[in-house]
Amino acid sequence: MSKNELVRLIEKKRSELIQVASTNGLTSSAAIRYSQELDHLLNTYNRKYTQTSKTY
């Protein structure tokens, strides 16, 4: 999956989450599911496309 595709999926999932949460509430099972899916996409993006520098 390309970076642009992943960003597009993140934006789509974020929009879906906002819609579901405004309709059903933040603690609804649908909103939680969408939130978890968004978390997964964001974690994938961070793992693939961000540099982490660890300084101790």
N, C-alpha and C. Protein backbone atom coordinates (compact mmCIF):
# COMPACT_ATOMS: atom_id res chain seq x y z
N MET A 1 0.85 -1.18 0.00
CA MET A 1 0.00 0.00 0.00
C MET A 1 0.90 1.24 0.00
N SER A 2 0.59 2.17 -0.88
CA SER A 2 1.40 3.39 -0.96
C SER A 2 1.03 4.35 0.16
N LYS A 3 1.91 5.31 0.37
CA LYS A 3 1.69 6.32 1.40
C LYS A 3 0.41 7.10 1.12
N ASN A 4 0.18 7.48 -0.13
CA ASN A 4 -1.03 8.24 -0.48
C ASN A 4 -2.29 7.43 -0.24
N GLU A 5 -2.25 6.15 -0.56
CA GLU A 5 -3.41 5.29 -0.30
C GLU A 5 -3.70 5.19 1.19
N LEU A 6 -2.65 5.04 1.97
CA LEU A 6 -2.82 4.92 3.41
C LEU A 6 -3.38 6.21 4.00
N VAL A 7 -2.88 7.36 3.56
CA VAL A 7 -3.39 8.65 4.03
C VAL A 7 -4.86 8.80 3.64
N ARG A 8 -5.21 8.39 2.45
CA ARG A 8 -6.61 8.46 2.01
C ARG A 8 -7.50 7.58 2.89
N LEU A 9 -7.04 6.39 3.21
CA LEU A 9 -7.82 5.50 4.09
C LEU A 9 -7.96 6.08 5.49
N ILE A 10 -6.90 6.70 5.99
CA ILE A 10 -6.95 7.33 7.31
C ILE A 10 -7.98 8.45 7.32
N GLU A 11 -7.95 9.29 6.31
CA GLU A 11 -8.91 10.40 6.23
C GLU A 11 -10.34 9.90 6.11
N LYS A 12 -10.54 8.85 5.33
CA LYS A 12 -11.88 8.27 5.16
C LYS A 12 -12.37 7.68 6.48
N LYS A 13 -11.52 6.94 7.16
CA LYS A 13 -11.91 6.30 8.42
C LYS A 13 -12.18 7.35 9.49
N ARG A 14 -11.38 8.43 9.51
CA ARG A 14 -11.60 9.51 10.48
C ARG A 14 -12.96 10.16 10.25
N SER A 15 -13.29 10.40 8.99
CA SER A 15 -14.58 10.99 8.65
C SER A 15 -15.73 10.07 9.06
N GLU A 16 -15.57 8.77 8.80
CA GLU A 16 -16.60 7.80 9.18
C GLU A 16 -16.76 7.77 10.70
N LEU A 17 -15.66 7.81 11.42
CA LEU A 17 -15.71 7.81 12.89
C LEU A 17 -16.46 9.03 13.41
N ILE A 18 -16.17 10.19 12.86
CA ILE A 18 -16.85 11.40 13.30
C ILE A 18 -18.35 11.29 13.05
N GLN A 19 -18.73 10.78 11.90
CA GLN A 19 -20.14 10.63 11.57
C GLN A 19 -20.84 9.65 12.51
N VAL A 20 -20.24 8.50 12.73
CA VAL A 20 -20.83 7.48 13.60
C VAL A 20 -20.91 7.98 15.04
N ALA A 21 -19.85 8.64 15.51
CA ALA A 21 -19.83 9.13 16.89
C ALA A 21 -20.86 10.23 17.10
N SER A 22 -21.06 11.08 16.10
CA SER A 22 -22.05 12.15 16.27
C SER A 22 -23.47 11.60 16.21
N THR A 23 -23.65 10.49 15.53
CA THR A 23 -24.97 9.88 15.44
C THR A 23 -25.26 8.97 16.63
N ASN A 24 -24.28 8.14 16.99
CA ASN A 24 -24.51 7.09 17.99
C ASN A 24 -23.83 7.32 19.33
N GLY A 25 -22.97 8.32 19.40
CA GLY A 25 -22.22 8.57 20.64
C GLY A 25 -20.84 7.95 20.59
N LEU A 26 -19.93 8.55 21.34
CA LEU A 26 -18.54 8.10 21.33
C LEU A 26 -18.35 6.71 21.92
N THR A 27 -19.25 6.30 22.79
CA THR A 27 -19.07 4.99 23.44
C THR A 27 -19.89 3.89 22.78
N SER A 28 -20.50 4.19 21.64
CA SER A 28 -21.26 3.14 20.94
C SER A 28 -20.30 2.09 20.39
N SER A 29 -20.80 0.89 20.21
CA SER A 29 -19.94 -0.19 19.70
C SER A 29 -19.41 0.15 18.31
N ALA A 30 -20.21 0.81 17.49
CA ALA A 30 -19.76 1.18 16.15
C ALA A 30 -18.63 2.21 16.22
N ALA A 31 -18.76 3.21 17.08
CA ALA A 31 -17.72 4.23 17.22
C ALA A 31 -16.42 3.62 17.75
N ILE A 32 -16.53 2.71 18.67
CA ILE A 32 -15.35 2.04 19.21
C ILE A 32 -14.66 1.22 18.12
N ARG A 33 -15.44 0.51 17.32
CA ARG A 33 -14.88 -0.28 16.23
C ARG A 33 -14.16 0.62 15.22
N TYR A 34 -14.80 1.72 14.83
CA TYR A 34 -14.18 2.65 13.88
C TYR A 34 -12.92 3.25 14.47
N SER A 35 -12.94 3.56 15.75
CA SER A 35 -11.78 4.13 16.42
C SER A 35 -10.62 3.15 16.42
N GLN A 36 -10.91 1.89 16.66
CA GLN A 36 -9.87 0.87 16.66
C GLN A 36 -9.30 0.69 15.25
N GLU A 37 -10.17 0.74 14.25
CA GLU A 37 -9.70 0.63 12.86
C GLU A 37 -8.82 1.82 12.50
N LEU A 38 -9.21 3.02 12.94
CA LEU A 38 -8.41 4.21 12.70
C LEU A 38 -7.06 4.09 13.42
N ASP A 39 -7.07 3.62 14.65
CA ASP A 39 -5.82 3.41 15.39
C ASP A 39 -4.88 2.49 14.63
N HIS A 40 -5.41 1.42 14.09
CA HIS A 40 -4.61 0.47 13.33
C HIS A 40 -3.97 1.14 12.11
N LEU A 41 -4.77 1.92 11.38
CA LEU A 41 -4.24 2.62 10.21
C LEU A 41 -3.17 3.63 10.60
N LEU A 42 -3.40 4.37 11.68
CA LEU A 42 -2.42 5.35 12.14
C LEU A 42 -1.13 4.67 12.61
N ASN A 43 -1.26 3.56 13.29
CA ASN A 43 -0.07 2.82 13.73
C ASN A 43 0.72 2.30 12.53
N THR A 44 0.02 1.83 11.52
CA THR A 44 0.67 1.37 10.29
C THR A 44 1.43 2.52 9.63
N TYR A 45 0.77 3.67 9.54
CA TYR A 45 1.42 4.84 8.95
C TYR A 45 2.68 5.21 9.74
N ASN A 46 2.56 5.28 11.05
CA ASN A 46 3.70 5.65 11.89
C ASN A 46 4.85 4.66 11.76
N ARG A 47 4.53 3.38 11.71
CA ARG A 47 5.56 2.36 11.58
C ARG A 47 6.30 2.48 10.24
N LYS A 48 5.55 2.77 9.17
CA LYS A 48 6.15 2.78 7.84
C LYS A 48 6.79 4.10 7.46
N TYR A 49 6.21 5.22 7.89
CA TYR A 49 6.57 6.49 7.29
C TYR A 49 7.09 7.55 8.25
N THR A 50 7.28 7.24 9.48
CA THR A 50 7.85 8.24 10.39
C THR A 50 9.14 7.70 10.97
N GLN A 51 10.06 8.58 11.16
CA GLN A 51 11.34 8.22 11.77
C GLN A 51 11.23 8.48 13.27
N THR A 52 11.60 7.52 14.03
CA THR A 52 11.62 7.72 15.48
C THR A 52 13.06 7.72 15.93
N SER A 53 13.42 8.76 16.61
CA SER A 53 14.78 8.81 17.16
C SER A 53 14.67 8.62 18.66
N LYS A 54 15.38 7.64 19.13
CA LYS A 54 15.35 7.36 20.56
C LYS A 54 16.61 7.90 21.18
N THR A 55 16.42 8.83 22.08
CA THR A 55 17.56 9.38 22.80
C THR A 55 17.40 9.04 24.27
N TYR A 56 18.46 8.55 24.83
CA TYR A 56 18.41 8.15 26.24
C TYR A 56 19.40 8.94 27.03
